[in-house]
N, C-alpha and C. Protein backbone atom coordinates (compact mmCIF):
# COMPACT_ATOMS: atom_id res chain seq x y z
N MET A 1 119.37 120.61 -29.77
CA MET A 1 118.99 122.25 -28.61
C MET A 1 118.21 122.72 -28.29
N GLU A 2 117.58 121.60 -27.85
CA GLU A 2 116.19 122.27 -26.92
C GLU A 2 116.92 121.53 -24.89
N PHE A 3 117.40 121.01 -25.44
CA PHE A 3 118.21 120.30 -24.37
C PHE A 3 119.07 120.85 -23.57
N ILE A 4 120.27 122.11 -23.74
CA ILE A 4 120.61 123.31 -24.16
C ILE A 4 120.20 124.49 -23.42
N VAL A 5 119.13 124.44 -24.18
CA VAL A 5 118.02 125.88 -23.67
C VAL A 5 117.96 125.33 -21.82
N GLU A 6 117.19 123.96 -22.53
CA GLU A 6 116.89 123.62 -20.65
C GLU A 6 117.60 124.07 -19.86
N LEU A 7 119.17 123.48 -19.68
CA LEU A 7 120.01 123.33 -19.57
C LEU A 7 120.15 124.70 -19.13
N LEU A 8 120.52 125.40 -19.95
CA LEU A 8 120.89 127.17 -19.77
C LEU A 8 119.39 127.86 -18.74
N LEU A 9 118.75 127.37 -18.56
CA LEU A 9 117.72 128.56 -17.26
C LEU A 9 118.05 127.71 -16.32
N GLU A 10 118.12 126.87 -16.04
CA GLU A 10 118.05 125.97 -14.93
C GLU A 10 119.61 126.43 -14.91
N PHE A 11 120.16 126.51 -15.44
CA PHE A 11 121.77 127.27 -14.70
C PHE A 11 121.46 128.75 -14.61
N LEU A 12 121.08 129.94 -14.73
CA LEU A 12 120.74 130.83 -15.22
C LEU A 12 119.71 130.82 -13.40
N ILE A 13 118.85 130.56 -13.73
CA ILE A 13 118.27 130.90 -11.99
C ILE A 13 119.09 130.38 -11.17
N GLN A 14 119.06 129.34 -10.83
CA GLN A 14 119.79 128.81 -9.65
C GLN A 14 121.44 130.49 -9.59
N VAL A 15 121.62 130.97 -10.88
CA VAL A 15 123.53 131.93 -10.60
C VAL A 15 122.57 132.67 -10.58
N VAL A 16 120.88 133.47 -11.17
CA VAL A 16 121.14 134.94 -10.60
C VAL A 16 119.99 134.30 -9.11
N GLY A 17 119.17 133.11 -8.95
CA GLY A 17 119.00 133.01 -7.08
C GLY A 17 119.72 133.43 -5.57
N GLU A 18 121.62 132.75 -6.55
CA GLU A 18 122.69 133.04 -5.83
C GLU A 18 123.25 133.81 -5.23
N ALA A 19 123.46 134.26 -6.68
CA ALA A 19 123.91 136.21 -6.62
C ALA A 19 122.78 137.11 -6.27
N LEU A 20 121.58 137.23 -6.30
CA LEU A 20 120.82 138.04 -5.01
C LEU A 20 121.26 137.25 -3.96
N PHE A 21 120.85 136.24 -3.12
CA PHE A 21 120.91 135.71 -1.67
C PHE A 21 122.86 136.76 -1.79
N GLU A 22 124.22 136.99 -2.23
CA GLU A 22 124.87 137.34 -2.18
C GLU A 22 125.17 138.20 -1.67
N LEU A 23 123.79 139.05 -2.90
CA LEU A 23 123.93 140.80 -2.62
C LEU A 23 123.43 140.83 -1.55
N GLY A 24 122.37 140.32 -0.74
CA GLY A 24 121.82 140.17 0.69
C GLY A 24 122.55 139.59 1.64
N LEU A 25 123.15 139.29 1.48
CA LEU A 25 124.80 138.75 2.43
C LEU A 25 125.70 140.04 2.76
N HIS A 26 126.19 141.15 1.44
CA HIS A 26 126.70 142.22 1.08
C HIS A 26 126.09 142.53 2.39
N SER A 27 124.95 143.11 1.94
CA SER A 27 124.40 143.92 2.99
C SER A 27 124.70 143.97 3.66
N MET A 28 124.20 142.70 4.88
CA MET A 28 123.44 142.40 5.87
C MET A 28 125.07 142.44 6.89
N ALA A 29 125.92 142.19 6.39
CA ALA A 29 127.41 141.56 6.81
C ALA A 29 127.86 142.45 7.64
N GLU A 30 128.21 143.96 7.17
CA GLU A 30 128.28 144.62 8.14
C GLU A 30 129.14 144.82 9.09
N PRO A 31 127.19 144.81 10.12
CA PRO A 31 127.24 144.59 11.27
C PRO A 31 128.22 143.80 12.52
N PHE A 32 128.16 142.08 11.63
CA PHE A 32 128.58 141.06 11.56
C PHE A 32 129.81 140.87 11.39
N ARG A 33 131.59 141.33 11.66
CA ARG A 33 132.37 141.40 11.17
C ARG A 33 132.79 140.22 11.58
N ARG A 34 132.45 139.59 12.98
CA ARG A 34 133.29 138.09 13.54
C ARG A 34 132.95 136.89 12.37
N PRO A 35 133.83 136.08 11.62
CA PRO A 35 133.49 135.04 10.81
C PRO A 35 133.54 133.99 11.29
N PRO A 36 131.36 133.65 11.11
CA PRO A 36 131.34 133.02 11.75
C PRO A 36 132.27 131.24 11.40
N ASN A 37 131.57 130.12 12.22
CA ASN A 37 131.95 128.66 12.37
C ASN A 37 132.51 127.74 10.70
N PRO A 38 132.44 127.67 10.95
CA PRO A 38 132.70 127.09 9.35
C PRO A 38 131.48 125.96 8.80
N TRP A 39 131.28 125.26 9.63
CA TRP A 39 130.90 123.94 9.69
C TRP A 39 128.83 124.69 10.07
N LEU A 40 128.77 126.07 10.48
CA LEU A 40 128.13 126.36 10.89
C LEU A 40 127.02 126.91 9.63
N ALA A 41 128.31 127.73 9.47
CA ALA A 41 128.39 128.49 8.17
C ALA A 41 127.62 127.53 7.27
N ALA A 42 128.08 126.08 6.77
CA ALA A 42 128.40 125.21 5.62
C ALA A 42 126.98 124.80 5.98
N LEU A 43 126.22 124.46 7.22
CA LEU A 43 124.88 124.11 7.45
C LEU A 43 124.06 125.56 7.44
N GLY A 44 124.38 126.45 7.17
CA GLY A 44 123.29 128.31 7.18
C GLY A 44 123.17 128.46 5.80
N TYR A 45 124.17 127.51 4.77
CA TYR A 45 124.34 127.71 2.86
C TYR A 45 123.47 126.68 2.57
N ALA A 46 123.08 126.07 3.73
CA ALA A 46 122.48 124.28 2.50
C ALA A 46 120.71 124.35 2.89
N ILE A 47 120.12 125.23 4.20
CA ILE A 47 119.26 125.79 4.38
C ILE A 47 119.01 126.42 3.40
N PHE A 48 119.66 127.41 3.21
CA PHE A 48 118.50 128.69 2.68
C PHE A 48 118.95 127.95 1.46
N GLY A 49 120.02 127.47 0.55
CA GLY A 49 119.67 126.22 -0.45
C GLY A 49 118.30 125.99 -1.00
N LEU A 50 117.75 125.68 0.48
CA LEU A 50 116.47 125.05 0.74
C LEU A 50 115.70 125.65 0.76
N ILE A 51 115.52 127.48 1.06
CA ILE A 51 114.78 127.56 1.41
C ILE A 51 114.31 128.18 -0.13
N VAL A 52 115.59 129.14 -0.82
CA VAL A 52 115.14 129.72 -1.75
C VAL A 52 115.54 128.74 -3.19
N GLY A 53 115.41 127.41 -3.00
CA GLY A 53 114.91 126.37 -4.43
C GLY A 53 113.15 125.58 -3.94
N GLY A 54 112.80 125.90 -3.02
CA GLY A 54 111.46 125.81 -2.28
C GLY A 54 111.06 127.54 -2.53
N LEU A 55 111.39 128.54 -2.61
CA LEU A 55 110.77 129.67 -3.11
C LEU A 55 110.26 130.26 -4.58
N SER A 56 111.84 129.09 -5.33
CA SER A 56 112.18 129.74 -7.10
C SER A 56 110.68 128.87 -7.46
N LEU A 57 109.61 127.85 -6.91
CA LEU A 57 108.73 127.33 -7.33
C LEU A 57 108.00 127.64 -7.46
N TRP A 58 107.30 129.05 -6.95
CA TRP A 58 106.81 129.70 -6.87
C TRP A 58 106.43 130.95 -8.30
N PRO A 59 107.75 131.02 -8.88
CA PRO A 59 107.39 131.92 -10.06
C PRO A 59 107.49 130.88 -11.02
N PHE A 60 108.91 129.68 -10.92
CA PHE A 60 109.20 128.16 -12.34
C PHE A 60 108.72 127.19 -10.98
N PRO A 61 107.04 126.30 -11.61
CA PRO A 61 106.88 125.24 -10.80
C PRO A 61 107.16 124.55 -11.92
N GLN A 62 107.38 124.70 -13.28
CA GLN A 62 107.92 123.93 -13.67
C GLN A 62 108.89 123.48 -13.48
N HIS A 63 109.74 121.93 -14.46
CA HIS A 63 110.78 121.29 -15.15
C HIS A 63 111.77 121.70 -16.10
N MET A 64 112.73 122.85 -15.66
CA MET A 64 113.58 123.70 -17.17
C MET A 64 113.65 122.29 -18.41
N VAL A 65 114.23 121.02 -17.66
CA VAL A 65 114.59 120.31 -18.57
C VAL A 65 114.06 118.89 -17.70
N ALA A 66 113.45 118.99 -19.09
CA ALA A 66 111.76 117.55 -18.79
C ALA A 66 112.50 117.03 -19.84
N ALA A 67 113.35 116.12 -19.88
CA ALA A 67 113.94 114.57 -19.72
C ALA A 67 113.52 113.79 -18.40
N PRO A 68 113.74 113.34 -17.70
CA PRO A 68 114.37 112.37 -16.29
C PRO A 68 115.78 112.36 -16.59
N MET A 69 115.60 110.82 -17.53
CA MET A 69 117.81 111.24 -17.57
C MET A 69 118.36 112.42 -17.33
N TRP A 70 117.80 113.59 -17.62
CA TRP A 70 118.72 114.91 -18.40
C TRP A 70 119.22 115.69 -16.85
N ARG A 71 117.64 115.54 -16.46
CA ARG A 71 117.47 116.43 -14.64
C ARG A 71 118.19 115.07 -13.68
N TRP A 72 119.11 114.15 -13.78
CA TRP A 72 119.92 113.84 -12.97
C TRP A 72 121.22 114.54 -13.55
N VAL A 73 121.21 115.24 -15.20
CA VAL A 73 122.85 115.10 -15.42
C VAL A 73 122.54 116.62 -14.96
N ASN A 74 121.98 117.13 -14.98
CA ASN A 74 121.15 118.54 -14.74
C ASN A 74 121.70 118.99 -12.76
N LEU A 75 121.39 117.65 -12.73
CA LEU A 75 121.65 118.28 -10.77
C LEU A 75 123.54 117.62 -10.76
N LEU A 76 123.97 117.46 -11.13
CA LEU A 76 124.74 116.96 -11.35
C LEU A 76 126.18 117.99 -11.86
N THR A 77 125.44 119.12 -12.60
CA THR A 77 126.51 119.87 -13.96
C THR A 77 126.45 121.27 -13.31
N THR A 78 124.69 121.20 -12.63
CA THR A 78 124.44 123.33 -12.21
C THR A 78 125.42 122.91 -11.31
N PRO A 79 125.48 122.43 -10.69
CA PRO A 79 125.92 122.84 -8.97
C PRO A 79 127.46 123.05 -8.94
N VAL A 80 128.07 122.56 -10.08
CA VAL A 80 129.42 122.46 -10.26
C VAL A 80 130.06 123.77 -10.62
N LEU A 81 128.53 123.26 -11.85
CA LEU A 81 128.72 124.99 -12.45
C LEU A 81 128.82 126.47 -12.13
N VAL A 82 127.42 126.17 -10.98
CA VAL A 82 127.22 127.51 -10.44
C VAL A 82 128.99 127.83 -9.41
N GLY A 83 129.22 127.46 -8.37
CA GLY A 83 129.94 126.81 -7.19
C GLY A 83 131.36 127.49 -8.25
N LEU A 84 131.42 127.34 -9.35
CA LEU A 84 132.39 127.64 -10.12
C LEU A 84 132.71 128.95 -10.42
N CYS A 85 131.07 129.67 -11.04
CA CYS A 85 130.97 131.04 -11.03
C CYS A 85 130.86 131.64 -9.93
N MET A 86 131.13 131.21 -8.70
CA MET A 86 131.11 131.84 -7.10
C MET A 86 132.34 132.31 -6.75
N SER A 87 132.87 130.94 -7.37
CA SER A 87 134.80 131.10 -6.27
C SER A 87 135.22 131.83 -7.51
N TRP A 88 135.12 132.76 -9.37
CA TRP A 88 135.24 133.42 -9.68
C TRP A 88 134.65 134.76 -9.55
N LEU A 89 133.33 134.88 -8.69
CA LEU A 89 132.98 136.33 -8.25
C LEU A 89 133.84 136.24 -7.42
N GLY A 90 133.97 134.87 -7.01
CA GLY A 90 134.92 135.36 -5.03
C GLY A 90 135.97 136.25 -5.11
N ALA A 91 137.02 135.34 -6.14
CA ALA A 91 138.11 136.25 -7.27
C ALA A 91 138.48 137.52 -7.60
N TRP A 92 137.00 137.62 -8.27
CA TRP A 92 137.40 139.62 -8.90
C TRP A 92 137.15 140.14 -8.11
N ARG A 93 135.49 140.18 -7.09
CA ARG A 93 135.97 141.06 -5.39
C ARG A 93 137.34 140.20 -4.83
N SER A 94 137.85 139.58 -4.07
CA SER A 94 139.14 140.43 -3.84
C SER A 94 140.29 140.58 -4.72
N ARG A 95 140.01 140.61 -5.86
CA ARG A 95 141.44 141.59 -6.70
C ARG A 95 140.93 143.28 -6.93
N ARG A 96 139.32 143.47 -7.07
CA ARG A 96 139.47 145.16 -6.58
C ARG A 96 139.19 145.62 -4.78
N GLY A 97 139.44 144.37 -3.81
CA GLY A 97 139.25 144.64 -2.46
C GLY A 97 137.90 144.84 -1.98
N GLN A 98 136.78 144.09 -2.16
CA GLN A 98 135.72 144.03 -1.65
C GLN A 98 135.91 143.06 -0.80
N THR A 99 134.51 143.06 0.08
CA THR A 99 135.11 141.68 1.04
C THR A 99 134.26 140.80 -0.31
N VAL A 100 134.31 139.08 0.03
CA VAL A 100 134.76 138.45 0.20
C VAL A 100 133.93 137.12 1.48
N PHE A 101 132.62 136.70 0.73
CA PHE A 101 131.47 136.28 2.04
C PHE A 101 132.34 134.26 1.64
N ARG A 102 131.47 133.72 2.73
CA ARG A 102 132.39 132.36 2.25
C ARG A 102 132.00 131.95 1.00
N ILE A 103 130.62 132.40 0.69
CA ILE A 103 129.17 131.93 -0.37
C ILE A 103 130.37 132.46 -1.60
N ASP A 104 131.03 132.71 -2.03
CA ASP A 104 132.59 133.30 -2.69
C ASP A 104 132.56 132.13 -3.06
N ARG A 105 133.76 131.44 -1.89
CA ARG A 105 134.25 129.86 -2.73
C ARG A 105 133.79 128.90 -3.44
N PHE A 106 134.56 128.18 -4.07
CA PHE A 106 133.72 126.78 -4.20
C PHE A 106 132.56 126.18 -3.78
N ALA A 107 133.43 125.43 -2.62
CA ALA A 107 132.72 124.66 -1.54
C ALA A 107 130.91 125.24 -1.69
N TYR A 108 131.17 126.36 -0.27
CA TYR A 108 129.94 126.69 -0.02
C TYR A 108 128.90 127.41 -0.99
N GLY A 109 129.12 127.43 -2.35
CA GLY A 109 128.45 127.90 -3.89
C GLY A 109 128.60 127.23 -4.58
N TYR A 110 128.66 125.28 -3.87
CA TYR A 110 128.23 124.24 -4.51
C TYR A 110 127.53 124.20 -3.96
N LEU A 111 127.40 123.82 -2.14
CA LEU A 111 126.35 123.21 -1.19
C LEU A 111 124.97 124.12 -2.14
N PHE A 112 125.80 125.45 -2.25
CA PHE A 112 123.83 126.32 -1.72
C PHE A 112 123.64 125.86 -3.04
N ALA A 113 124.02 126.06 -3.89
CA ALA A 113 123.71 125.85 -5.81
C ALA A 113 123.45 123.61 -5.74
N LEU A 114 123.88 123.19 -4.51
CA LEU A 114 123.29 121.55 -4.26
C LEU A 114 121.80 121.55 -3.96
N CYS A 115 121.27 122.84 -3.17
CA CYS A 115 120.30 122.50 -2.76
C CYS A 115 119.19 123.11 -2.89
N PHE A 116 119.40 123.55 -3.36
CA PHE A 116 118.99 124.90 -4.09
C PHE A 116 117.92 123.41 -5.96
N ALA A 117 119.30 123.05 -6.36
CA ALA A 117 118.37 122.30 -7.23
C ALA A 117 117.93 121.22 -6.80
N ALA A 118 118.27 120.81 -5.44
CA ALA A 118 117.70 119.72 -5.43
C ALA A 118 116.05 119.50 -4.74
N VAL A 119 115.97 121.43 -4.39
CA VAL A 119 114.07 120.95 -3.81
C VAL A 119 113.99 121.08 -5.19
N ARG A 120 114.82 121.36 -6.55
CA ARG A 120 114.19 122.37 -7.82
C ARG A 120 113.37 120.61 -8.45
N PHE A 121 115.03 119.37 -8.22
CA PHE A 121 114.49 117.97 -9.04
C PHE A 121 113.62 117.33 -8.28
N GLU A 122 113.70 117.35 -6.66
CA GLU A 122 112.42 116.67 -5.79
C GLU A 122 111.22 117.26 -6.12
N TRP A 123 110.91 118.89 -6.45
CA TRP A 123 109.28 119.18 -6.60
C TRP A 123 108.85 119.69 -7.62
N ALA A 124 109.91 120.17 -8.24
CA ALA A 124 108.97 120.86 -9.56
C ALA A 124 108.37 120.01 -9.86
N ALA A 125 107.22 120.84 -10.93
CA ALA A 125 106.23 119.83 -12.10
C ALA A 125 106.54 118.80 -13.01
């Protein structure tokens, strides 16, 4: 039971971090309508994932998943789940006629979450 709670907390931290990042993108995007190069966008999301992952260490310096083996499982599964959540959010926004950003697609959401999780995996106590 403790393992499930640990995974859920790690998942929630990444979803909330990515959702806040996405909210910031939506607020800043209006002046910049031209779509960026997909490779530069991927690099940008990777860098932002690293930054947000590093910033998450300030309020949450400990691993949410205690067992070292399960940290690997978390590193591999949580970004996939977060990517799926972001693609669902993108589909929901699209149905409502709202602006859909690249992070609202699975690959970019996954990349952001993977970088986020990698920083936490390596640097959390």
